[in-house]
């Protein structure tokens, strides 16, 4: 299943697909987390976005999952944090220190989780045109229209916060390091970013979903913005 997306400024074919298994079938990149593996049943519903150029090369991936747990978001994350671990951190050697935002203790209702956001090095996105930012925001808006979630969150490294990428994509809040992962000699500090549904701005109004059907193309940017979110 895919939807028609009109990208007037970019030559990029986008497919919105229901089965997030496709994230684990892309030889151009490795999924960085198992959270979108349907076999793990982390989410009640989810979708993936794949972007290809005119030659069929993979240029972009991301995914969003939805859940409406009957508990606070903090309690939900604490009970399922292993699903969000980095894929290359083995369980037998894993330790994690969590410092989740205080606000998560009081947040109840439905949430969306966004991750696996990747732009192909070399031709993935022209930063001056803000393609990575717009694609991130597009998925936030598409998920909001699809599920009417109460809030959306993601995990990012500190360098992306310093570059203000999450803020420019539509995430208005962040905290200090929320996850400190360790496995042998490996270590990784990650931050949580989030927005309430009513706070999500529409920065992607030139990326319009017009219903079911084929995928349109426009003019593909020529520079890379690299990997922008781990999960």
Protein backbone atom coordinates (compact mmCIF):
# COMPACT_ATOMS: atom_id res chain seq x y z
CA UNK A 1 0.00 0.00 0.00
CA UNK A 2 1.41 3.40 -0.91
CA UNK A 3 0.14 6.95 -1.20
CA UNK A 4 0.57 9.73 -3.72
CA UNK A 5 2.93 12.42 -2.43
CA UNK A 6 3.45 15.69 -4.30
CA UNK A 7 6.98 17.11 -3.81
CA UNK A 8 7.09 20.19 -6.06
CA UNK A 9 10.62 21.25 -5.02
CA UNK A 10 12.33 17.84 -4.97
CA UNK A 11 12.87 14.99 -7.41
CA UNK A 12 12.12 12.21 -4.94
CA UNK A 13 9.63 9.35 -4.98
CA UNK A 14 8.13 8.73 -1.55
CA UNK A 15 6.29 5.56 -0.57
CA UNK A 16 4.30 5.33 2.66
CA UNK A 17 4.11 1.61 3.44
CA UNK A 18 2.22 -0.24 6.15
CA UNK A 19 4.74 -3.03 6.80
CA UNK A 20 7.81 -1.69 8.62
CA UNK A 21 9.61 -4.94 7.83
CA UNK A 22 10.88 -3.05 4.76
CA UNK A 23 13.29 -1.16 7.04
CA UNK A 24 15.17 -4.40 7.63
CA UNK A 25 15.29 -5.32 3.94
CA UNK A 26 17.31 -2.35 2.65
CA UNK A 27 20.91 -3.29 1.75
CA UNK A 28 21.87 0.40 1.50
CA UNK A 29 21.52 0.89 5.24
CA UNK A 30 21.11 -1.07 8.45
CA UNK A 31 18.22 -0.43 10.80
CA UNK A 32 19.64 1.00 14.02
CA UNK A 33 16.97 -0.39 16.37
CA UNK A 34 14.66 -3.38 16.52
CA UNK A 35 11.75 -1.31 17.78
CA UNK A 36 10.04 -1.28 14.36
CA UNK A 37 10.34 -5.04 13.88
CA UNK A 38 6.66 -6.09 13.66
CA UNK A 39 7.51 -9.39 15.34
CA UNK A 40 8.29 -7.52 18.57
CA UNK A 41 4.76 -6.03 18.76
CA UNK A 42 5.97 -2.77 20.31
CA UNK A 43 3.32 -0.67 18.56
CA UNK A 44 -0.37 -1.07 17.84
CA UNK A 45 0.12 0.40 14.38
CA UNK A 46 3.03 1.82 12.38
CA UNK A 47 4.16 2.92 8.94
CA UNK A 48 7.44 3.46 7.14
CA UNK A 49 8.44 6.10 4.59
CA UNK A 50 10.90 5.21 1.84
CA UNK A 51 12.33 7.72 -0.62
CA UNK A 52 13.95 6.76 -3.93
CA UNK A 53 15.54 8.81 -6.68
CA UNK A 54 14.69 8.51 -10.38
CA UNK A 55 17.16 5.62 -10.73
CA UNK A 56 15.45 3.69 -7.93
CA UNK A 57 18.23 4.21 -5.38
CA UNK A 58 17.21 4.46 -1.74
CA UNK A 59 17.65 8.04 -0.55
CA UNK A 60 15.58 8.22 2.62
CA UNK A 61 13.91 6.13 5.32
CA UNK A 62 11.95 6.82 8.47
CA UNK A 63 9.13 5.25 10.45
CA UNK A 64 6.49 6.16 13.02
CA UNK A 65 4.75 3.83 15.46
CA UNK A 66 1.57 4.34 17.50
CA UNK A 67 0.55 3.08 20.93
CA UNK A 68 -2.15 3.91 23.48
CA UNK A 69 -0.92 2.30 26.70
CA UNK A 70 -3.08 2.38 29.80
CA UNK A 71 -0.30 3.91 31.82
CA UNK A 72 1.97 6.96 31.83
CA UNK A 73 4.54 7.34 29.11
CA UNK A 74 7.35 7.13 31.66
CA UNK A 75 6.09 3.81 32.99
CA UNK A 76 5.61 2.48 29.47
CA UNK A 77 9.18 3.34 28.46
CA UNK A 78 10.62 1.89 31.66
CA UNK A 79 8.80 -1.38 31.01
CA UNK A 80 9.86 -1.63 27.37
CA UNK A 81 13.18 0.23 27.14
CA UNK A 82 15.01 -2.82 25.80
CA UNK A 83 13.00 -2.54 22.61
CA UNK A 84 14.53 0.90 22.04
CA UNK A 85 18.15 -0.13 22.58
CA UNK A 86 20.76 0.36 19.82
CA UNK A 87 20.77 -2.68 17.56
CA UNK A 88 24.51 -3.27 17.96
CA UNK A 89 24.41 -3.33 21.78
CA UNK A 90 24.14 -7.02 22.80
CA UNK A 91 21.74 -7.88 25.60
CA UNK A 92 24.22 -10.02 27.50
CA UNK A 93 26.52 -7.02 28.06
CA UNK A 94 23.97 -4.21 28.14
CA UNK A 95 23.42 -1.67 30.88
CA UNK A 96 21.25 1.41 30.69
CA UNK A 97 20.77 4.41 32.96
CA UNK A 98 17.53 6.29 32.32
CA UNK A 99 16.70 9.87 33.23
CA UNK A 100 13.37 10.44 31.54
CA UNK A 101 11.67 13.85 31.52
CA UNK A 102 9.54 14.57 34.58
CA UNK A 103 6.68 15.47 32.24
CA UNK A 104 6.50 11.85 31.05
CA UNK A 105 5.30 10.77 34.51
CA UNK A 106 2.10 12.77 33.97
CA UNK A 107 1.53 12.09 30.28
CA UNK A 108 -1.24 9.62 29.56
CA UNK A 109 -3.07 8.86 26.36
CA UNK A 110 -1.84 7.93 22.91
CA UNK A 111 1.63 8.63 21.60
CA UNK A 112 3.61 8.29 18.42
CA UNK A 113 7.28 7.39 18.27
CA UNK A 114 9.41 8.52 15.32
CA UNK A 115 12.70 6.99 14.26
CA UNK A 116 14.92 5.28 11.67
CA UNK A 117 15.31 8.68 10.01
CA UNK A 118 18.10 8.42 7.45
CA UNK A 119 19.29 10.44 4.48
CA UNK A 120 21.67 8.83 1.98
CA UNK A 121 25.19 10.27 2.19
CA UNK A 122 26.10 11.99 -1.05
CA UNK A 123 22.65 12.79 -2.44
CA UNK A 124 20.28 12.48 0.48
CA UNK A 125 19.18 16.06 1.02
CA UNK A 126 20.21 19.63 0.34
CA UNK A 127 20.44 21.26 3.76
CA UNK A 128 19.77 24.69 2.37
CA UNK A 129 16.36 23.49 1.21
CA UNK A 130 15.66 21.74 4.51
CA UNK A 131 14.55 18.43 2.97
CA UNK A 132 15.45 16.29 6.02
CA UNK A 133 13.56 18.72 8.26
CA UNK A 134 10.53 18.73 5.98
CA UNK A 135 10.45 14.95 5.64
CA UNK A 136 10.62 14.60 9.42
CA UNK A 137 7.79 17.06 9.86
CA UNK A 138 5.79 15.43 7.08
CA UNK A 139 5.78 12.10 8.95
CA UNK A 140 4.79 13.89 12.18
CA UNK A 141 1.83 15.49 10.40
CA UNK A 142 0.88 12.32 8.53
CA UNK A 143 0.86 10.37 11.80
CA UNK A 144 -1.24 13.07 13.47
CA UNK A 145 -3.84 12.89 10.71
CA UNK A 146 -3.79 9.12 10.79
CA UNK A 147 -3.98 8.50 14.55
CA UNK A 148 -4.76 11.83 16.23
CA UNK A 149 -2.11 11.07 18.85
CA UNK A 150 -1.72 13.09 22.05
CA UNK A 151 2.05 13.49 21.79
CA UNK A 152 5.01 12.40 19.67
CA UNK A 153 8.58 11.68 20.77
CA UNK A 154 11.94 10.62 19.37
CA UNK A 155 15.49 9.91 20.48
CA UNK A 156 18.46 11.93 19.23
CA UNK A 157 22.13 12.38 19.89
CA UNK A 158 23.43 15.60 21.42
CA UNK A 159 25.04 16.81 18.18
CA UNK A 160 21.61 16.99 16.56
CA UNK A 161 20.28 19.04 19.45
CA UNK A 162 23.20 21.43 19.12
CA UNK A 163 22.38 21.78 15.42
CA UNK A 164 18.73 22.39 16.41
CA UNK A 165 17.54 19.78 13.94
CA UNK A 166 14.70 18.42 16.14
CA UNK A 167 13.53 21.94 16.98
CA UNK A 168 13.47 22.94 13.31
CA UNK A 169 11.54 19.77 12.48
CA UNK A 170 8.76 20.37 15.01
CA UNK A 171 9.98 18.97 18.34
CA UNK A 172 9.61 21.76 20.86
CA UNK A 173 10.87 20.07 24.04
CA UNK A 174 13.94 18.12 25.07
CA UNK A 175 15.74 17.04 28.22
CA UNK A 176 19.26 16.14 29.26
CA UNK A 177 20.60 12.70 28.46
CA UNK A 178 17.64 10.34 28.86
CA UNK A 179 19.40 7.09 27.98
CA UNK A 180 22.99 6.20 28.80
CA UNK A 181 23.72 2.89 27.08
CA UNK A 182 26.80 0.79 27.79
CA UNK A 183 27.90 -2.56 26.42
CA UNK A 184 31.53 -3.48 26.93
CA UNK A 185 33.67 -0.69 25.47
CA UNK A 186 30.66 0.89 23.73
CA UNK A 187 28.78 3.79 25.27
CA UNK A 188 26.13 6.16 23.96
CA UNK A 189 24.23 9.08 25.51
CA UNK A 190 20.91 9.96 23.93
CA UNK A 191 18.31 12.66 24.49
CA UNK A 192 14.54 12.56 24.25
CA UNK A 193 12.63 15.18 22.23
CA UNK A 194 8.85 15.54 22.17
CA UNK A 195 5.87 17.71 21.27
CA UNK A 196 2.23 17.62 22.23
CA UNK A 197 -0.13 17.17 19.29
CA UNK A 198 -1.39 20.74 19.45
CA UNK A 199 2.20 22.03 19.39
CA UNK A 200 3.32 20.28 16.20
CA UNK A 201 3.85 22.96 13.53
CA UNK A 202 3.31 22.27 9.85
CA UNK A 203 6.67 22.93 8.21
CA UNK A 204 5.97 20.52 5.34
CA UNK A 205 2.94 22.02 3.66
CA UNK A 206 4.60 21.63 0.25
CA UNK A 207 4.62 17.85 0.76
CA UNK A 208 1.00 16.94 0.23
CA UNK A 209 -0.56 13.51 0.58
CA UNK A 210 -3.36 13.29 -1.97
CA UNK A 211 -4.64 9.75 -1.44
CA UNK A 212 -3.91 6.26 -2.67
CA UNK A 213 -2.09 5.59 -5.93
CA UNK A 214 1.25 6.11 -7.62
CA UNK A 215 4.11 8.28 -6.37
CA UNK A 216 5.01 11.56 -8.04
CA UNK A 217 8.54 12.97 -8.47
CA UNK A 218 10.02 16.48 -8.64
CA UNK A 219 13.77 17.69 -8.34
CA UNK A 220 16.13 15.71 -6.08
CA UNK A 221 18.61 17.74 -3.99
CA UNK A 222 22.28 16.94 -4.54
CA UNK A 223 23.91 17.11 -1.10
CA UNK A 224 23.72 14.86 1.94
CA UNK A 225 22.59 15.67 5.46
CA UNK A 226 23.76 12.28 6.74
CA UNK A 227 22.02 10.19 9.36
CA UNK A 228 19.90 12.49 11.49
CA UNK A 229 18.19 10.27 14.07
CA UNK A 230 19.30 6.91 15.45
CA UNK A 231 15.94 5.34 16.16
